Amino acid sequence: MRSVWSERAKKSLHIVEDYILREFGEKKRTEFMAEAEKVAIQLESFPTMGKEEPLLAHRKKHYRSYMITRKSKMIYHVDEIRELVVISDVWDIRKAPKTAAKGL
């Protein structure tokens, strides 16, 4: 399998990245981005390693989530037919959970 990032996920990732850069500096931004890439690569080999995302259980797609850091998580689903891990969003988990789930 290979991983692909949706436009929404790319945008969310960059919002979190910009926030980390502003608040914590370049070193933390670099660490965060490396960890996000590491998780995306791990999902290619182990697509079910994330837990089922309860806030999205009612959706047609079977969404899972995996923590990037203590304050952010990657939301994704597996497209078995196309053999893809589709990264759908990146959530800052300090926000209200239902607000984060609205757009998917």
C-alpha atoms as a PDB file:
ATOM      1  CA  MET A   1       0.000   0.000   0.000  1.00  0.00           C
ATOM      2  CA  ARG A   2       0.970   3.601  -0.357  1.00  0.00           C
ATOM      3  CA  SER A   3      -0.258   6.694   1.428  1.00  0.00           C
ATOM      4  CA  VAL A   4      -1.791   9.777  -0.168  1.00  0.00           C
ATOM      5  CA  TRP A   5      -2.737  13.076   1.450  1.00  0.00           C
ATOM      6  CA  SER A   6      -6.089  14.699   0.672  1.00  0.00           C
ATOM      7  CA  GLU A   7      -6.129  18.443   0.054  1.00  0.00           C
ATOM      8  CA  ARG A   8      -7.886  18.905   3.400  1.00  0.00           C
ATOM      9  CA  ALA A   9      -5.172  16.918   5.189  1.00  0.00           C
ATOM     10  CA  LYS A  10      -2.416  18.934   3.510  1.00  0.00           C
ATOM     11  CA  LYS A  11      -4.090  22.185   4.543  1.00  0.00           C
ATOM     12  CA  SER A  12      -4.621  21.008   8.139  1.00  0.00           C
ATOM     13  CA  LEU A  13      -1.040  19.775   8.361  1.00  0.00           C
ATOM     14  CA  HIS A  14       0.290  23.158   7.236  1.00  0.00           C
ATOM     15  CA  ILE A  15      -1.933  25.008   9.719  1.00  0.00           C
ATOM     16  CA  VAL A  16      -0.515  22.920  12.570  1.00  0.00           C
ATOM     17  CA  GLU A  17       2.993  23.274  11.144  1.00  0.00           C
ATOM     18  CA  ASP A  18       2.692  27.078  10.997  1.00  0.00           C
ATOM     19  CA  TYR A  19       1.358  27.201  14.546  1.00  0.00           C
ATOM     20  CA  ILE A  20       4.253  25.097  15.858  1.00  0.00           C
ATOM     21  CA  LEU A  21       6.771  27.258  14.000  1.00  0.00           C
ATOM     22  CA  ARG A  22       5.285  30.481  15.427  1.00  0.00           C
ATOM     23  CA  GLU A  23       4.922  29.230  18.992  1.00  0.00           C
ATOM     24  CA  PHE A  24       7.840  26.810  19.408  1.00  0.00           C
ATOM     25  CA  GLY A  25      10.365  27.476  16.656  1.00  0.00           C
ATOM     26  CA  GLU A  26      11.994  25.748  13.723  1.00  0.00           C
ATOM     27  CA  LYS A  27      13.382  22.770  15.650  1.00  0.00           C
ATOM     28  CA  LYS A  28       9.937  21.705  16.935  1.00  0.00           C
ATOM     29  CA  ARG A  29       8.389  22.300  13.516  1.00  0.00           C
ATOM     30  CA  THR A  30      10.983  20.049  11.920  1.00  0.00           C
ATOM     31  CA  GLU A  31      10.423  17.365  14.558  1.00  0.00           C
ATOM     32  CA  PHE A  32       6.649  17.505  14.037  1.00  0.00           C
ATOM     33  CA  MET A  33       6.899  17.232  10.257  1.00  0.00           C
ATOM     34  CA  ALA A  34       9.349  14.319  10.523  1.00  0.00           C
ATOM     35  CA  GLU A  35       6.969  12.521  12.888  1.00  0.00           C
ATOM     36  CA  ALA A  36       3.985  13.117  10.576  1.00  0.00           C
ATOM     37  CA  GLU A  37       5.947  11.676   7.646  1.00  0.00           C
ATOM     38  CA  LYS A  38       7.072   8.722   9.768  1.00  0.00           C
ATOM     39  CA  VAL A  39       3.464   7.916  10.715  1.00  0.00           C
ATOM     40  CA  ALA A  40       2.348   8.141   7.061  1.00  0.00           C
ATOM     41  CA  ILE A  41       5.091   5.693   6.054  1.00  0.00           C
ATOM     42  CA  GLN A  42       4.246   3.296   8.902  1.00  0.00           C
ATOM     43  CA  LEU A  43       0.597   3.287   7.814  1.00  0.00           C
ATOM     44  CA  GLU A  44       1.644   2.009   4.397  1.00  0.00           C
ATOM     45  CA  SER A  45       2.906  -1.206   6.007  1.00  0.00           C
ATOM     46  CA  PHE A  46       0.428  -1.381   8.892  1.00  0.00           C
ATOM     47  CA  PRO A  47      -2.787   0.309   7.741  1.00  0.00           C
ATOM     48  CA  THR A  48      -4.850  -0.933  10.690  1.00  0.00           C
ATOM     49  CA  MET A  49      -2.432   0.264  13.381  1.00  0.00           C
ATOM     50  CA  GLY A  50      -4.637   3.264  14.148  1.00  0.00           C
ATOM     51  CA  LYS A  51      -7.731   2.923  16.274  1.00  0.00           C
ATOM     52  CA  GLU A  52     -11.198   3.318  14.866  1.00  0.00           C
ATOM     53  CA  GLU A  53     -12.195   6.951  15.247  1.00  0.00           C
ATOM     54  CA  PRO A  54     -15.391   7.007  17.353  1.00  0.00           C
ATOM     55  CA  LEU A  55     -16.387  10.526  16.276  1.00  0.00           C
ATOM     56  CA  LEU A  56     -16.526   9.318  12.670  1.00  0.00           C
ATOM     57  CA  ALA A  57     -18.076   5.874  13.265  1.00  0.00           C
ATOM     58  CA  HIS A  58     -21.335   6.922  11.606  1.00  0.00           C
ATOM     59  CA  ARG A  59     -19.606   7.771   8.316  1.00  0.00           C
ATOM     60  CA  LYS A  60     -19.666   5.552   5.254  1.00  0.00           C
ATOM     61  CA  LYS A  61     -15.882   5.343   5.157  1.00  0.00           C
ATOM     62  CA  HIS A  62     -14.194   3.459   7.982  1.00  0.00           C
ATOM     63  CA  TYR A  63     -12.032   6.188   9.535  1.00  0.00           C
ATOM     64  CA  ARG A  64      -9.122   5.481  11.848  1.00  0.00           C
ATOM     65  CA  SER A  65      -6.830   7.800  13.765  1.00  0.00           C
ATOM     66  CA  TYR A  66      -3.231   7.670  14.878  1.00  0.00           C
ATOM     67  CA  MET A  67      -1.463  10.079  17.207  1.00  0.00           C
ATOM     68  CA  ILE A  68       1.331  12.109  15.622  1.00  0.00           C
ATOM     69  CA  THR A  69       2.106  13.884  18.898  1.00  0.00           C
ATOM     70  CA  ARG A  70       0.288  14.191  22.215  1.00  0.00           C
ATOM     71  CA  LYS A  71      -1.645  17.122  20.754  1.00  0.00           C
ATOM     72  CA  SER A  72      -2.307  16.057  17.177  1.00  0.00           C
ATOM     73  CA  LYS A  73      -3.593  13.040  15.329  1.00  0.00           C
ATOM     74  CA  MET A  74      -3.839  11.857  11.768  1.00  0.00           C
ATOM     75  CA  ILE A  75      -7.264  10.812  10.459  1.00  0.00           C
ATOM     76  CA  TYR A  76      -7.281   8.303   7.626  1.00  0.00           C
ATOM     77  CA  HIS A  77      -9.157   5.518   5.897  1.00  0.00           C
ATOM     78  CA  VAL A  78      -8.002   2.554   3.856  1.00  0.00           C
ATOM     79  CA  ASP A  79      -9.088   2.140   0.243  1.00  0.00           C
ATOM     80  CA  GLU A  80      -8.603  -1.601  -0.230  1.00  0.00           C
ATOM     81  CA  ILE A  81      -9.513  -1.559  -3.928  1.00  0.00           C
ATOM     82  CA  ARG A  82      -6.921   1.077  -4.856  1.00  0.00           C
ATOM     83  CA  GLU A  83      -4.510  -0.165  -2.152  1.00  0.00           C
ATOM     84  CA  LEU A  84      -4.209   3.296  -0.601  1.00  0.00           C
ATOM     85  CA  VAL A  85      -4.070   4.751   2.857  1.00  0.00           C
ATOM     86  CA  VAL A  86      -5.908   8.032   2.370  1.00  0.00           C
ATOM     87  CA  ILE A  87      -4.876  10.593   4.966  1.00  0.00           C
ATOM     88  CA  SER A  88      -8.006  12.696   5.302  1.00  0.00           C
ATOM     89  CA  ASP A  89      -7.196  15.226   8.012  1.00  0.00           C
ATOM     90  CA  VAL A  90      -4.865  16.244  10.825  1.00  0.00           C
ATOM     91  CA  TRP A  91      -6.580  17.232  14.065  1.00  0.00           C
ATOM     92  CA  ASP A  92      -5.298  19.453  16.815  1.00  0.00           C
ATOM     93  CA  ILE A  93      -6.906  17.522  19.666  1.00  0.00           C
ATOM     94  CA  ARG A  94      -6.975  20.533  21.958  1.00  0.00           C
ATOM     95  CA  LYS A  95      -9.932  21.802  19.902  1.00  0.00           C
ATOM     96  CA  ALA A  96     -13.484  20.664  20.517  1.00  0.00           C
ATOM     97  CA  PRO A  97     -13.630  17.151  19.009  1.00  0.00           C
ATOM     98  CA  LYS A  98     -16.980  17.595  17.266  1.00  0.00           C
ATOM     99  CA  THR A  99     -15.713  20.758  15.591  1.00  0.00           C
ATOM    100  CA  ALA A 100     -12.747  18.861  14.147  1.00  0.00           C
ATOM    101  CA  ALA A 101     -14.995  16.068  12.866  1.00  0.00           C
ATOM    102  CA  LYS A 102     -17.421  18.371  11.045  1.00  0.00           C
ATOM    103  CA  GLY A 103     -15.583  18.688   7.760  1.00  0.00           C
ATOM    104  CA  LEU A 104     -15.151  15.007   6.947  1.00  0.00           C
END
